Protein backbone atom coordinates (compact mmCIF):
# COMPACT_ATOMS: atom_id res chain seq x y z
CA MET A 1 60.27 95.48 82.10
CA ASN A 2 61.99 96.25 85.41
CA LEU A 3 62.30 99.80 86.65
CA VAL A 4 65.76 101.17 85.89
CA THR A 5 67.55 104.47 86.47
CA LEU A 6 70.38 105.33 84.09
CA LEU A 7 73.14 107.45 85.60
CA GLN A 8 76.19 108.55 83.62
CA PRO A 9 78.32 111.66 83.16
CA PRO A 10 76.66 114.42 81.14
CA ARG A 11 79.83 114.54 79.01
CA VAL A 12 81.76 111.46 77.85
CA VAL A 13 84.59 111.92 75.37
CA LEU A 14 86.06 108.80 73.79
CA GLY A 15 88.94 108.43 71.38
CA ASN A 16 92.67 108.36 70.84
CA GLY A 17 94.32 111.53 72.11
CA CYS A 18 91.28 112.98 73.88
CA ALA A 19 92.92 113.15 77.34
CA PRO A 20 94.36 116.70 77.07
CA HIS A 21 90.91 118.04 76.20
CA CYS A 22 90.00 117.74 79.88
CA ALA A 23 91.91 121.00 80.46
CA GLU A 24 89.66 123.00 78.16
CA TYR A 25 86.60 121.48 79.81
CA LEU A 26 87.80 122.43 83.30
CA ALA A 27 88.73 125.96 82.21
CA GLN A 28 85.28 126.44 80.69
CA ARG A 29 83.79 125.52 84.06
CA GLY A 30 85.71 128.39 85.68
CA VAL A 31 88.17 126.13 87.47
CA ARG A 32 91.46 127.70 88.55
CA ARG A 33 93.04 125.26 91.01
CA VAL A 34 92.57 121.54 90.46
CA LEU A 35 93.56 118.58 92.62
CA LEU A 36 95.16 115.83 90.53
CA VAL A 37 94.62 112.35 91.98
CA SER A 38 96.66 109.64 90.28
CA GLY A 39 99.23 106.90 90.85
CA THR A 40 103.02 106.80 90.76
CA PRO A 41 103.26 104.75 87.51
CA VAL A 42 100.76 107.04 85.78
CA LEU A 43 102.13 110.47 86.69
CA PRO A 44 105.16 110.32 84.32
CA THR A 45 102.86 109.54 81.38
CA LEU A 46 100.74 112.68 81.77
CA GLY A 47 102.98 115.18 80.00
CA ALA A 48 100.41 116.11 77.36
CA VAL A 49 97.69 116.52 79.98
CA ARG A 50 99.90 118.64 82.22
CA ASP A 51 100.91 120.83 79.26
CA ALA A 52 97.24 121.35 78.40
CA LEU A 53 96.41 122.24 81.99
CA GLN A 54 99.25 124.77 82.06
CA GLN A 55 98.16 126.30 78.75
CA ALA A 56 94.66 126.68 80.18
CA ASN A 57 96.15 128.59 83.14
CA LEU A 58 95.09 125.95 85.64
CA ALA A 59 97.15 125.49 88.79
CA VAL A 60 97.62 121.82 89.62
CA VAL A 61 97.92 120.44 93.14
CA THR A 62 99.16 116.84 92.96
CA ALA A 63 97.80 114.60 95.71
CA THR A 64 99.97 111.93 97.29
CA PRO A 65 99.75 109.05 94.78
CA VAL A 66 97.25 106.24 95.25
CA ASP A 67 99.34 103.14 94.58
CA CYS A 68 97.21 100.38 96.07
CA GLU A 69 93.59 99.51 96.56
CA PRO A 70 92.59 102.35 98.89
CA THR A 71 91.82 101.91 102.56
CA CYS A 72 89.72 104.19 104.71
CA ALA A 73 92.92 105.37 106.43
CA LEU A 74 94.54 106.23 103.10
CA PHE A 75 91.48 108.18 102.07
CA GLU A 76 91.31 110.10 105.33
CA GLU A 77 94.93 111.19 104.84
CA ARG A 78 94.19 112.41 101.31
CA LEU A 79 91.04 114.15 102.53
CA ALA A 80 92.87 116.05 105.28
CA ALA A 81 95.49 117.16 102.75
CA ALA A 82 92.87 118.24 100.20
CA ARG A 83 91.10 120.38 102.78
CA ARG A 84 94.33 122.31 103.35
CA GLU A 85 94.41 123.32 99.68
CA ASN A 86 92.14 125.89 98.10
CA ILE A 87 91.03 123.59 95.28
CA ASP A 88 87.96 124.16 93.18
CA ALA A 89 87.87 120.89 91.21
CA VAL A 90 89.17 117.31 91.28
CA LEU A 91 90.79 115.51 88.35
CA GLY A 92 91.14 111.74 88.75
CA ILE A 93 93.51 110.03 86.32
CA GLY A 94 94.36 106.40 86.91
CA GLY A 95 92.87 103.01 87.59
CA GLY A 96 89.84 102.37 89.71
CA SER A 97 91.66 102.97 92.98
CA ALA A 98 92.78 106.49 92.10
CA ILE A 99 89.45 107.37 90.52
CA ASP A 100 87.46 106.10 93.51
CA VAL A 101 89.55 108.27 95.83
CA ALA A 102 89.11 111.25 93.48
CA LYS A 103 85.34 110.78 93.47
CA LEU A 104 85.10 110.70 97.24
CA LEU A 105 87.47 113.67 97.61
CA ALA A 106 85.27 115.71 95.29
CA ALA A 107 82.27 114.77 97.41
CA LEU A 108 83.68 115.20 100.91
CA THR A 109 86.40 117.89 100.76
CA ARG A 110 83.84 120.65 101.23
CA GLY A 111 81.22 118.51 102.92
CA THR A 112 80.40 117.81 106.54
CA GLN A 113 79.70 114.08 106.24
CA THR A 114 82.16 111.40 107.30
CA LEU A 115 82.96 108.14 105.54
CA THR A 116 80.84 106.28 108.05
CA ASP A 117 77.93 108.52 107.12
CA VAL A 118 78.11 107.73 103.41
CA PHE A 119 78.91 103.99 103.17
CA GLY A 120 75.85 102.42 101.57
CA ILE A 121 73.35 103.44 98.93
CA ASN A 122 72.13 107.03 98.43
CA LEU A 123 73.52 108.34 101.73
CA LEU A 124 75.80 111.01 100.25
CA ALA A 125 74.21 114.45 100.61
CA GLY A 126 75.90 116.11 97.63
CA ARG A 127 79.12 117.14 95.93
CA ALA A 128 80.35 120.72 95.77
CA LEU A 129 83.44 120.30 93.58
CA PRO A 130 83.46 119.59 89.84
CA LEU A 131 84.84 116.13 89.06
CA VAL A 132 86.54 114.92 85.87
CA CYS A 133 87.91 111.39 85.47
CA LEU A 134 90.27 109.75 82.97
CA PRO A 135 90.84 105.98 83.19
CA THR A 136 94.31 104.60 82.53
CA THR A 137 93.26 100.96 82.81
CA SER A 138 90.39 99.18 81.09
CA GLY A 139 88.76 97.60 84.08
CA THR A 140 86.59 99.26 86.68
CA GLY A 141 84.52 101.66 84.60
CA ALA A 142 84.72 103.96 87.63
CA GLU A 143 84.91 107.00 85.37
CA VAL A 144 81.21 106.60 84.52
CA SER A 145 79.76 104.83 87.55
CA PRO A 146 78.09 106.12 90.75
CA ASN A 147 80.22 103.80 92.92
CA ALA A 148 83.40 104.14 94.99
CA ILE A 149 85.00 101.32 96.99
CA LEU A 150 87.31 101.51 100.00
CA LEU A 151 88.80 98.81 102.20
CA ASP A 152 87.72 99.07 105.82
CA GLU A 153 90.75 97.50 107.49
CA ALA A 154 88.98 97.33 110.85
CA VAL A 155 86.76 94.56 109.50
CA ALA A 156 88.97 93.47 106.55
CA LEU A 157 86.14 94.08 104.08
CA LYS A 158 85.61 96.38 101.14
CA LYS A 159 82.73 98.82 101.50
CA GLY A 160 80.95 100.84 98.86
CA VAL A 161 79.56 104.32 98.55
CA VAL A 162 76.85 104.41 95.88
CA SER A 163 75.32 107.74 94.96
CA PRO A 164 74.33 109.81 91.93
CA HIS A 165 76.63 112.49 93.37
CA LEU A 166 79.63 110.28 92.60
CA VAL A 167 78.93 110.27 88.86
CA PRO A 168 81.66 112.51 87.36
CA ASP A 169 80.77 115.64 85.43
CA ALA A 170 82.89 114.44 82.54
CA ALA A 171 84.89 111.37 81.54
CA PHE A 172 87.64 111.38 78.93
CA ILE A 173 88.38 107.83 77.79
CA ASP A 174 91.65 107.80 75.86
CA PRO A 175 93.05 104.38 74.85
CA LEU A 176 96.49 105.97 74.47
CA LEU A 177 96.66 106.26 78.27
CA THR A 178 96.51 102.46 78.54
CA LEU A 179 99.41 101.55 76.22
CA THR A 180 101.97 101.22 79.02
CA VAL A 181 99.83 99.12 81.38
CA PRO A 182 101.78 95.91 82.20
CA PRO A 183 100.44 92.54 81.00
CA GLY A 184 99.41 91.34 84.46
CA VAL A 185 97.43 94.49 85.19
CA THR A 186 95.92 94.43 81.69
CA ALA A 187 94.71 90.88 82.30
CA ALA A 188 93.31 91.49 85.79
CA THR A 189 91.54 94.73 84.93
CA GLY A 190 90.17 93.33 81.68
CA LEU A 191 88.72 90.32 83.48
CA ASP A 192 87.18 92.68 86.05
CA ALA A 193 85.45 94.61 83.26
CA LEU A 194 84.31 91.35 81.68
CA THR A 195 82.85 90.28 85.02
CA HIS A 196 80.95 93.58 85.29
CA CYS A 197 79.30 92.92 81.94
CA ILE A 198 78.49 89.27 82.64
CA GLU A 199 77.08 89.92 86.12
CA ALA A 200 74.98 92.82 84.84
CA TYR A 201 73.50 90.70 82.05
CA ALA A 202 72.82 87.67 84.26
CA ASN A 203 71.21 89.59 87.10
CA ARG A 204 67.90 89.73 88.94
CA PHE A 205 67.56 93.35 87.86
CA ALA A 206 68.78 92.99 84.28
CA HIS A 207 67.19 95.43 81.88
CA PRO A 208 67.06 95.65 78.06
CA ALA A 209 68.53 99.17 78.15
CA VAL A 210 71.56 97.81 80.01
CA ASP A 211 71.77 94.44 78.23
CA ILE A 212 72.97 96.07 75.02
CA HIS A 213 75.97 97.53 76.83
CA ALA A 214 76.66 94.31 78.72
CA LEU A 215 76.62 92.05 75.67
CA GLU A 216 78.73 94.37 73.55
CA GLY A 217 81.21 94.72 76.40
CA ILE A 218 81.47 90.92 76.64
CA ARG A 219 82.08 90.66 72.89
CA LEU A 220 84.75 93.35 72.82
CA ILE A 221 86.69 92.17 75.86
CA ALA A 222 86.57 88.47 75.02
CA ALA A 223 87.86 89.10 71.51
CA HIS A 224 90.67 91.51 72.42
CA LEU A 225 91.93 90.88 75.96
CA GLU A 226 94.53 88.26 75.12
CA ARG A 227 95.84 90.42 72.27
CA ALA A 228 96.39 93.37 74.60
CA VAL A 229 98.05 91.16 77.21
CA ARG A 230 100.49 89.79 74.63
CA ASN A 231 101.15 93.14 72.94
CA GLY A 232 100.40 96.22 75.00
CA ARG A 233 101.01 98.47 71.99
CA ASP A 234 98.19 96.86 69.99
CA LEU A 235 96.10 100.00 69.67
CA GLU A 236 93.08 98.26 68.16
CA ALA A 237 92.93 95.86 71.10
CA ARG A 238 93.47 98.66 73.61
CA ALA A 239 90.66 100.71 72.07
CA ALA A 240 88.32 97.70 72.19
CA LEU A 241 89.11 97.10 75.86
CA ALA A 242 88.62 100.78 76.70
CA LEU A 243 85.19 100.67 75.09
CA GLY A 244 84.31 97.36 76.73
CA SER A 245 85.32 98.68 80.13
CA PHE A 246 83.23 101.81 79.51
CA TYR A 247 80.22 99.65 78.71
CA GLY A 248 80.81 97.67 81.90
CA GLY A 249 80.91 100.91 83.87
CA LEU A 250 77.57 101.94 82.39
CA CYS A 251 76.12 98.70 83.75
CA LEU A 252 77.20 99.36 87.33
CA GLY A 253 74.82 102.18 88.16
CA PRO A 254 71.49 100.77 86.99
CA VAL A 255 72.10 97.05 87.60
CA ASN A 256 75.47 96.42 89.31
CA THR A 257 77.11 93.07 89.99
CA GLY A 258 76.31 89.94 92.00
CA ALA A 259 77.86 87.02 93.82
CA VAL A 260 81.23 87.08 92.03
CA HIS A 261 81.98 90.54 93.36
CA ALA A 262 80.42 89.81 96.75
CA LEU A 263 82.65 86.77 97.25
CA SER A 264 85.70 88.53 95.86
CA TYR A 265 85.55 91.37 98.40
CA PRO A 266 86.74 89.24 101.35
CA LEU A 267 89.62 87.92 99.22
CA GLY A 268 90.77 91.46 98.60
CA GLY A 269 89.99 92.72 102.08
CA ARG A 270 91.73 89.98 104.02
CA PHE A 271 94.40 88.68 101.63
CA HIS A 272 94.87 91.71 99.34
CA ILE A 273 94.29 89.68 96.19
CA ALA A 274 93.97 91.99 93.18
CA HIS A 275 90.30 92.60 92.54
CA GLY A 276 90.31 91.40 88.93
CA VAL A 277 92.23 88.25 89.86
CA ALA A 278 89.74 87.47 92.63
CA ASN A 279 86.84 87.94 90.23
CA SER A 280 88.48 85.74 87.62
CA LEU A 281 89.06 82.94 90.13
CA LEU A 282 85.43 82.97 91.23
CA LEU A 283 83.63 83.70 87.96
CA PRO A 284 83.42 80.16 86.48
CA HIS A 285 82.26 78.66 89.76
CA VAL A 286 79.62 81.30 90.41
CA ILE A 287 78.29 80.87 86.87
CA ARG A 288 78.02 77.11 87.42
CA PHE A 289 76.12 77.83 90.64
CA ASN A 290 73.80 80.34 88.96
CA ALA A 291 73.29 78.68 85.57
CA PRO A 292 70.38 76.40 86.58
CA ALA A 293 68.38 79.53 87.44
CA ALA A 294 68.85 81.10 83.98
CA PRO A 295 70.48 78.72 81.48
CA GLU A 296 69.27 80.74 78.47
CA ARG A 297 70.79 83.90 79.89
CA TYR A 298 74.17 82.26 80.40
CA ALA A 299 73.98 80.65 76.97
CA GLU A 300 73.66 84.14 75.51
CA VAL A 301 76.69 85.20 77.55
CA ALA A 302 78.61 82.24 76.13
CA MET A 303 77.71 83.15 72.56
CA ALA A 304 78.77 86.75 73.17
CA LEU A 305 82.10 85.32 74.36
CA GLY A 306 82.41 83.65 70.95
CA VAL A 307 81.20 80.15 71.83
CA ARG A 308 79.05 78.23 69.34
CA PRO A 309 75.69 76.80 70.48
CA ALA A 310 76.10 73.33 71.94
CA GLY A 311 72.71 71.64 71.65
CA SER A 312 71.07 73.03 74.77
CA ALA A 313 71.21 76.24 76.74
CA ALA A 314 72.83 74.47 79.68
CA ALA A 315 75.51 72.90 77.48
CA THR A 316 76.22 76.20 75.77
CA ALA A 317 76.50 77.93 79.13
CA GLU A 318 79.02 75.33 80.28
CA CYS A 319 81.07 75.92 77.13
CA GLY A 320 81.10 79.57 78.10
CA VAL A 321 82.45 78.67 81.53
CA GLU A 322 85.24 76.67 79.90
CA PHE A 323 86.03 79.57 77.58
CA LEU A 324 86.39 81.93 80.54
CA ALA A 325 88.73 79.55 82.36
CA GLN A 326 90.87 79.14 79.23
CA LEU A 327 90.95 82.90 78.58
CA SER A 328 92.09 83.55 82.13
CA ARG A 329 94.75 80.85 81.84
CA ARG A 330 96.04 82.18 78.52
CA CYS A 331 96.31 85.64 80.07
CA GLY A 332 98.51 84.29 82.86
CA VAL A 333 96.01 84.76 85.70
CA PRO A 334 96.08 82.28 88.64
CA GLN A 335 93.47 79.55 88.44
CA THR A 336 93.13 78.48 92.08
CA LEU A 337 93.16 80.04 95.52
CA THR A 338 96.12 77.79 96.31
CA GLU A 339 98.15 79.66 93.68
CA VAL A 340 97.54 82.96 95.51
CA ASN A 341 98.51 81.44 98.88
CA ILE A 342 95.10 81.40 100.53
CA PRO A 343 94.81 78.56 103.07
CA ARG A 344 91.82 76.27 102.91
CA ASP A 345 91.07 76.86 106.58
CA ALA A 346 90.24 80.48 105.73
CA ILE A 347 87.10 79.41 103.87
CA PRO A 348 84.64 79.60 106.79
CA SER A 349 85.61 83.17 107.64
CA LEU A 350 85.58 84.16 103.95
CA ALA A 351 82.08 82.77 103.51
CA GLN A 352 80.88 84.49 106.66
CA ALA A 353 82.31 87.83 105.49
CA ALA A 354 80.77 87.50 102.04
CA MET A 355 77.31 87.24 103.59
CA HIS A 356 77.63 90.87 104.71
CA VAL A 357 77.86 92.12 101.10
CA THR A 358 74.09 92.20 100.79
CA ARG A 359 74.29 95.24 98.49
CA LEU A 360 75.47 92.86 95.74
CA LEU A 361 74.10 89.49 96.82
CA LYS A 362 70.56 90.80 96.41
CA ASN A 363 71.26 91.10 92.66
CA ASN A 364 72.33 87.49 92.22
CA LEU A 365 70.13 85.17 90.17
CA ARG A 366 70.11 82.58 92.96
CA PRO A 367 70.03 83.23 96.70
CA VAL A 368 73.47 82.57 98.16
CA THR A 369 73.66 81.09 101.65
CA GLU A 370 76.79 80.81 103.74
CA THR A 371 76.84 77.11 102.86
CA ASP A 372 76.67 77.99 99.16
CA ALA A 373 79.49 80.50 99.53
CA THR A 374 81.59 77.87 101.30
CA ALA A 375 81.04 75.44 98.43
CA ILE A 376 81.98 78.06 95.82
CA TYR A 377 85.21 78.89 97.67
CA GLU A 378 85.95 75.17 97.98
CA ALA A 379 85.56 74.78 94.22
CA THR A 380 88.28 77.36 93.61
CA PHE A 381 90.98 75.21 95.26
């Protein structure tokens, strides 16, 4: 059994209609002035939460919305603004972008460290402000993870801050907050969550205590994603995705992801491809690359996806790959890099950039060289 450290919020509340309960939690912590970090599409849907905050006598300072995958420059602007307010807590409500910004604001608003100081693993000195997070998409699992990701535009690459201090004090996971998420975002974020679970299960540092979350997350997302894409008001499907995304988030701290995420970061950093779309494009090809190293592991992934055994572990794993490609296609997600307007001559620089994401590549079941990365990118055309 590998050594593993499990990090998650001390309070996790799950269920329909739980979102407004965050106000009572904050009030009980003695909070009086909270910074709300969210996105423009989300803010109009937060009436019940705002009413609860008002009833709890909490003053709300609304940060400038986070409406794209956040850059270092965007974060620095939000940080300067937060420091001008006398806030005593941070409330992140949104997708992974808004929640990642909220986590870093809670950590750095009263701190002395800079972003450059904290990029990497366990470099953050602490967090002075209470932090509560509510996801409005079923994708990143950021509400329960110790990770936050920003795009460093200077090098066109996403960088991560990984620290126990980024684990929120509480997460309120309310499927009702996801009912208005558009089909395209539902598909991309759901495939991101599915990738979290698959990469955590098929991982050099996989652990039985994490496997149970990973496999159940795969089952839930595979069985319900297309339903939620086709009918966003399908509450059963939305609840299943919220739970699957939560399970994926629980996998990120102790095990994390591998080559799919490492190779997707340059696609997002240079070409601004949505993170879940980039993962979906790469996932089948990375599995085919990795499968010879652990065919039984990928066969178990395939069966969790709903695939029947196919005579051998390798054959079953390949059926799983085909299932993933079909699921992505049925959900309307692009299938090739050509479809997202990435030129083939970008491959060498993409492969070179991916080699710098050692934080994730070290988890991959097979070593990935620059030549390997080039071949995987080539396969996505």
